[in-house]
Amino acid sequence: MIHLGSEGVGDGEGLKVRIRFYGHVALKTGREVELTFDRAPTLKEIVDLVNVRYGLSPPIQVSHASPVKLLVNGSEVEAEDRLRDGDEIRVMPFIAGG
């Protein structure tokens, strides 16, 4: 369980978030990971954790201008939005060519 603060989730089991990685990011992280937190994390907290855990360079950023799209349950969310138990994040790099 990843300790983020003193706010518990209430059931003692933790809050689970699944992350699915695609493209070149998946080559560094693997295709999927499930993380358990002691409280509801923000999207930014999860992205920061993933950047450190996998040593991503350049790091993934929570930004509309980022070359990596982040979707929570299929929708765009803001950096400070808190995730809920069972949420799924998709980390999808844009592919460009010509």
N, C-alpha and C. Protein backbone atom coordinates (compact mmCIF):
# COMPACT_ATOMS: atom_id res chain seq x y z
N MET A 1 0.85 -1.17 0.00
CA MET A 1 0.00 0.00 0.00
C MET A 1 0.89 1.23 0.00
N ILE A 2 0.53 2.20 -0.78
CA ILE A 2 1.29 3.44 -0.89
C ILE A 2 0.69 4.45 0.08
N HIS A 3 1.49 4.92 1.02
CA HIS A 3 1.02 5.86 2.03
C HIS A 3 1.14 7.29 1.51
N LEU A 4 -0.01 7.96 1.40
CA LEU A 4 -0.01 9.34 0.91
C LEU A 4 -0.36 10.36 1.98
N GLY A 5 -0.87 9.91 3.11
CA GLY A 5 -1.26 10.86 4.14
C GLY A 5 -2.06 10.18 5.22
N SER A 6 -2.61 10.98 6.13
CA SER A 6 -3.31 10.43 7.28
C SER A 6 -4.78 10.14 7.03
N GLU A 7 -5.34 10.60 5.91
CA GLU A 7 -6.75 10.33 5.60
C GLU A 7 -6.90 8.90 5.14
N GLY A 8 -7.63 8.09 5.87
CA GLY A 8 -7.86 6.71 5.47
C GLY A 8 -8.99 6.61 4.47
N VAL A 9 -9.15 5.43 3.88
CA VAL A 9 -10.24 5.23 2.94
C VAL A 9 -11.44 4.59 3.60
N GLY A 10 -11.33 4.18 4.85
CA GLY A 10 -12.49 3.73 5.57
C GLY A 10 -12.61 2.22 5.74
N ASP A 11 -12.20 1.41 4.79
CA ASP A 11 -12.41 -0.03 4.91
C ASP A 11 -11.15 -0.80 5.30
N GLY A 12 -10.03 -0.12 5.43
CA GLY A 12 -8.81 -0.78 5.85
C GLY A 12 -8.09 -1.55 4.75
N GLU A 13 -8.71 -1.74 3.60
CA GLU A 13 -8.10 -2.51 2.53
C GLU A 13 -7.36 -1.64 1.53
N GLY A 14 -7.63 -0.38 1.48
CA GLY A 14 -6.97 0.50 0.53
C GLY A 14 -7.80 0.74 -0.71
N LEU A 15 -7.38 1.74 -1.43
CA LEU A 15 -8.06 2.18 -2.65
C LEU A 15 -7.20 1.74 -3.83
N LYS A 16 -7.79 1.00 -4.77
CA LYS A 16 -7.02 0.46 -5.89
C LYS A 16 -7.28 1.24 -7.17
N VAL A 17 -6.19 1.54 -7.86
CA VAL A 17 -6.23 2.23 -9.14
C VAL A 17 -5.41 1.41 -10.14
N ARG A 18 -5.99 1.13 -11.29
CA ARG A 18 -5.29 0.38 -12.34
C ARG A 18 -4.77 1.37 -13.38
N ILE A 19 -3.52 1.17 -13.80
CA ILE A 19 -2.93 2.02 -14.83
C ILE A 19 -2.55 1.14 -16.01
N ARG A 20 -3.01 1.52 -17.20
CA ARG A 20 -2.66 0.81 -18.43
C ARG A 20 -1.78 1.72 -19.28
N PHE A 21 -0.64 1.19 -19.68
CA PHE A 21 0.33 1.96 -20.45
C PHE A 21 0.34 1.47 -21.90
N TYR A 22 0.55 2.40 -22.82
CA TYR A 22 0.58 2.09 -24.25
C TYR A 22 1.84 2.68 -24.88
N GLY A 23 2.16 2.20 -26.08
CA GLY A 23 3.25 2.77 -26.87
C GLY A 23 4.60 2.66 -26.20
N HIS A 24 5.45 3.66 -26.46
CA HIS A 24 6.82 3.63 -25.95
C HIS A 24 6.87 3.67 -24.42
N VAL A 25 5.85 4.21 -23.77
CA VAL A 25 5.84 4.24 -22.30
C VAL A 25 5.76 2.82 -21.75
N ALA A 26 4.95 1.97 -22.39
CA ALA A 26 4.78 0.58 -21.94
C ALA A 26 6.09 -0.21 -22.03
N LEU A 27 6.99 0.20 -22.91
CA LEU A 27 8.28 -0.48 -23.00
C LEU A 27 9.10 -0.31 -21.73
N LYS A 28 8.89 0.80 -21.02
CA LYS A 28 9.63 1.08 -19.79
C LYS A 28 8.88 0.62 -18.54
N THR A 29 7.55 0.59 -18.60
CA THR A 29 6.75 0.35 -17.41
C THR A 29 6.08 -1.02 -17.37
N GLY A 30 5.97 -1.66 -18.52
CA GLY A 30 5.09 -2.82 -18.63
C GLY A 30 3.71 -2.31 -19.04
N ARG A 31 2.82 -3.21 -19.42
CA ARG A 31 1.53 -2.79 -19.97
C ARG A 31 0.52 -2.38 -18.91
N GLU A 32 0.64 -2.90 -17.70
CA GLU A 32 -0.39 -2.62 -16.70
C GLU A 32 0.18 -2.76 -15.29
N VAL A 33 -0.32 -1.93 -14.39
CA VAL A 33 0.03 -2.02 -12.98
C VAL A 33 -1.20 -1.63 -12.16
N GLU A 34 -1.35 -2.25 -11.02
CA GLU A 34 -2.41 -1.86 -10.08
C GLU A 34 -1.73 -1.37 -8.81
N LEU A 35 -2.10 -0.17 -8.39
CA LEU A 35 -1.52 0.43 -7.19
C LEU A 35 -2.60 0.55 -6.13
N THR A 36 -2.21 0.38 -4.87
CA THR A 36 -3.14 0.50 -3.74
C THR A 36 -2.67 1.66 -2.87
N PHE A 37 -3.60 2.56 -2.55
CA PHE A 37 -3.30 3.76 -1.78
C PHE A 37 -4.06 3.77 -0.46
N ASP A 38 -3.54 4.52 0.51
CA ASP A 38 -4.22 4.63 1.80
C ASP A 38 -5.29 5.72 1.79
N ARG A 39 -5.32 6.52 0.75
CA ARG A 39 -6.36 7.55 0.59
C ARG A 39 -6.49 7.87 -0.89
N ALA A 40 -7.52 8.62 -1.24
CA ALA A 40 -7.77 8.97 -2.64
C ALA A 40 -6.66 9.88 -3.17
N PRO A 41 -5.85 9.40 -4.11
CA PRO A 41 -4.78 10.22 -4.68
C PRO A 41 -5.31 11.13 -5.78
N THR A 42 -4.59 12.21 -6.03
CA THR A 42 -4.89 13.03 -7.20
C THR A 42 -4.20 12.41 -8.42
N LEU A 43 -4.65 12.79 -9.60
CA LEU A 43 -4.00 12.30 -10.81
C LEU A 43 -2.53 12.71 -10.81
N LYS A 44 -2.23 13.93 -10.39
CA LYS A 44 -0.85 14.41 -10.35
C LYS A 44 0.01 13.56 -9.41
N GLU A 45 -0.53 13.19 -8.25
CA GLU A 45 0.24 12.36 -7.32
C GLU A 45 0.60 11.01 -7.95
N ILE A 46 -0.35 10.43 -8.67
CA ILE A 46 -0.10 9.14 -9.31
C ILE A 46 0.94 9.29 -10.42
N VAL A 47 0.80 10.33 -11.24
CA VAL A 47 1.76 10.55 -12.33
C VAL A 47 3.16 10.79 -11.77
N ASP A 48 3.27 11.59 -10.71
CA ASP A 48 4.58 11.83 -10.09
C ASP A 48 5.19 10.51 -9.59
N LEU A 49 4.37 9.67 -8.97
CA LEU A 49 4.83 8.38 -8.47
C LEU A 49 5.32 7.49 -9.61
N VAL A 50 4.57 7.43 -10.69
CA VAL A 50 4.95 6.62 -11.86
C VAL A 50 6.26 7.13 -12.46
N ASN A 51 6.40 8.45 -12.58
CA ASN A 51 7.64 9.03 -13.13
C ASN A 51 8.86 8.61 -12.32
N VAL A 52 8.74 8.64 -10.98
CA VAL A 52 9.85 8.28 -10.11
C VAL A 52 10.08 6.77 -10.13
N ARG A 53 9.02 6.00 -9.99
CA ARG A 53 9.13 4.54 -9.91
C ARG A 53 9.82 3.95 -11.14
N TYR A 54 9.48 4.48 -12.32
CA TYR A 54 10.01 3.91 -13.56
C TYR A 54 11.12 4.75 -14.19
N GLY A 55 11.51 5.85 -13.54
CA GLY A 55 12.59 6.69 -14.05
C GLY A 55 12.31 7.24 -15.44
N LEU A 56 11.08 7.68 -15.68
CA LEU A 56 10.69 8.14 -17.01
C LEU A 56 11.35 9.47 -17.35
N SER A 57 11.96 9.51 -18.52
CA SER A 57 12.60 10.73 -19.01
C SER A 57 12.37 10.82 -20.52
N PRO A 58 11.70 11.86 -20.97
CA PRO A 58 11.11 12.93 -20.18
C PRO A 58 9.94 12.40 -19.36
N PRO A 59 9.66 13.05 -18.22
CA PRO A 59 8.57 12.58 -17.38
C PRO A 59 7.20 12.85 -18.01
N ILE A 60 6.24 12.01 -17.66
CA ILE A 60 4.85 12.25 -18.06
C ILE A 60 4.38 13.49 -17.32
N GLN A 61 3.62 14.33 -17.98
CA GLN A 61 3.07 15.54 -17.36
C GLN A 61 1.56 15.54 -17.47
N VAL A 62 0.90 16.07 -16.45
CA VAL A 62 -0.55 16.24 -16.50
C VAL A 62 -0.81 17.61 -17.09
N SER A 63 -0.95 17.65 -18.42
CA SER A 63 -1.12 18.91 -19.13
C SER A 63 -1.81 18.63 -20.45
N HIS A 64 -2.67 19.55 -20.86
CA HIS A 64 -3.34 19.40 -22.15
C HIS A 64 -2.34 19.51 -23.31
N ALA A 65 -1.18 20.10 -23.05
CA ALA A 65 -0.15 20.26 -24.09
C ALA A 65 0.84 19.10 -24.12
N SER A 66 0.69 18.16 -23.20
CA SER A 66 1.61 17.03 -23.11
C SER A 66 1.48 16.10 -24.31
N PRO A 67 2.59 15.52 -24.76
CA PRO A 67 2.51 14.54 -25.86
C PRO A 67 1.96 13.18 -25.41
N VAL A 68 1.64 13.06 -24.13
CA VAL A 68 1.05 11.83 -23.59
C VAL A 68 -0.34 12.16 -23.07
N LYS A 69 -1.34 11.47 -23.58
CA LYS A 69 -2.74 11.68 -23.17
C LYS A 69 -3.03 10.80 -21.96
N LEU A 70 -3.65 11.41 -20.93
CA LEU A 70 -4.05 10.68 -19.73
C LEU A 70 -5.57 10.68 -19.65
N LEU A 71 -6.16 9.50 -19.60
CA LEU A 71 -7.61 9.38 -19.48
C LEU A 71 -7.94 8.57 -18.23
N VAL A 72 -8.92 9.05 -17.47
CA VAL A 72 -9.41 8.31 -16.31
C VAL A 72 -10.81 7.83 -16.64
N ASN A 73 -10.97 6.53 -16.68
CA ASN A 73 -12.24 5.91 -17.07
C ASN A 73 -12.74 6.46 -18.40
N GLY A 74 -11.79 6.71 -19.32
CA GLY A 74 -12.13 7.16 -20.67
C GLY A 74 -12.32 8.64 -20.84
N SER A 75 -12.14 9.43 -19.78
CA SER A 75 -12.36 10.88 -19.87
C SER A 75 -11.14 11.65 -19.38
N GLU A 76 -10.97 12.85 -19.91
CA GLU A 76 -9.90 13.73 -19.42
C GLU A 76 -10.31 14.29 -18.07
N VAL A 77 -9.37 14.38 -17.15
CA VAL A 77 -9.60 14.98 -15.84
C VAL A 77 -8.46 15.95 -15.55
N GLU A 78 -8.64 16.76 -14.54
CA GLU A 78 -7.63 17.74 -14.16
C GLU A 78 -6.60 17.12 -13.20
N ALA A 79 -5.46 17.75 -13.10
CA ALA A 79 -4.35 17.24 -12.29
C ALA A 79 -4.73 17.04 -10.82
N GLU A 80 -5.54 17.93 -10.27
CA GLU A 80 -5.88 17.86 -8.85
C GLU A 80 -7.16 17.08 -8.56
N ASP A 81 -7.77 16.48 -9.60
CA ASP A 81 -8.95 15.64 -9.37
C ASP A 81 -8.51 14.38 -8.63
N ARG A 82 -9.31 13.99 -7.63
CA ARG A 82 -9.01 12.78 -6.86
C ARG A 82 -9.63 11.56 -7.53
N LEU A 83 -8.89 10.48 -7.52
CA LEU A 83 -9.38 9.25 -8.10
C LEU A 83 -10.11 8.42 -7.05
N ARG A 84 -10.95 7.50 -7.52
CA ARG A 84 -11.74 6.65 -6.63
C ARG A 84 -11.33 5.19 -6.80
N ASP A 85 -11.72 4.40 -5.83
CA ASP A 85 -11.45 2.97 -5.87
C ASP A 85 -11.98 2.37 -7.16
N GLY A 86 -11.14 1.63 -7.86
CA GLY A 86 -11.54 0.97 -9.10
C GLY A 86 -11.34 1.79 -10.36
N ASP A 87 -10.88 3.03 -10.23
CA ASP A 87 -10.64 3.86 -11.42
C ASP A 87 -9.51 3.27 -12.26
N GLU A 88 -9.57 3.56 -13.56
CA GLU A 88 -8.54 3.11 -14.49
C GLU A 88 -7.96 4.30 -15.24
N ILE A 89 -6.64 4.41 -15.22
CA ILE A 89 -5.94 5.46 -15.95
C ILE A 89 -5.33 4.82 -17.20
N ARG A 90 -5.50 5.48 -18.33
CA ARG A 90 -4.83 5.05 -19.57
C ARG A 90 -3.79 6.09 -19.92
N VAL A 91 -2.57 5.64 -20.13
CA VAL A 91 -1.44 6.51 -20.46
C VAL A 91 -1.08 6.22 -21.91
N MET A 92 -1.45 7.16 -22.80
CA MET A 92 -1.32 6.92 -24.24
C MET A 92 -0.52 8.02 -24.92
N PRO A 93 0.69 7.71 -25.39
CA PRO A 93 1.48 8.70 -26.12
C PRO A 93 0.87 8.95 -27.50
N PHE A 94 0.94 10.21 -27.93
CA PHE A 94 0.52 10.55 -29.29
C PHE A 94 1.55 10.00 -30.27
N ILE A 95 1.09 9.57 -31.40
CA ILE A 95 1.98 9.10 -32.46
C ILE A 95 1.81 10.04 -33.64
N ALA A 96 2.91 10.57 -34.12
CA ALA A 96 2.85 11.49 -35.26
C ALA A 96 3.76 10.96 -36.36
N GLY A 97 3.41 11.29 -37.53
CA GLY A 97 4.24 10.86 -38.65
C GLY A 97 3.93 11.70 -39.88
N GLY A 98 4.61 11.43 -40.91
CA GLY A 98 4.35 12.22 -42.10
C GLY A 98 4.95 11.62 -43.33
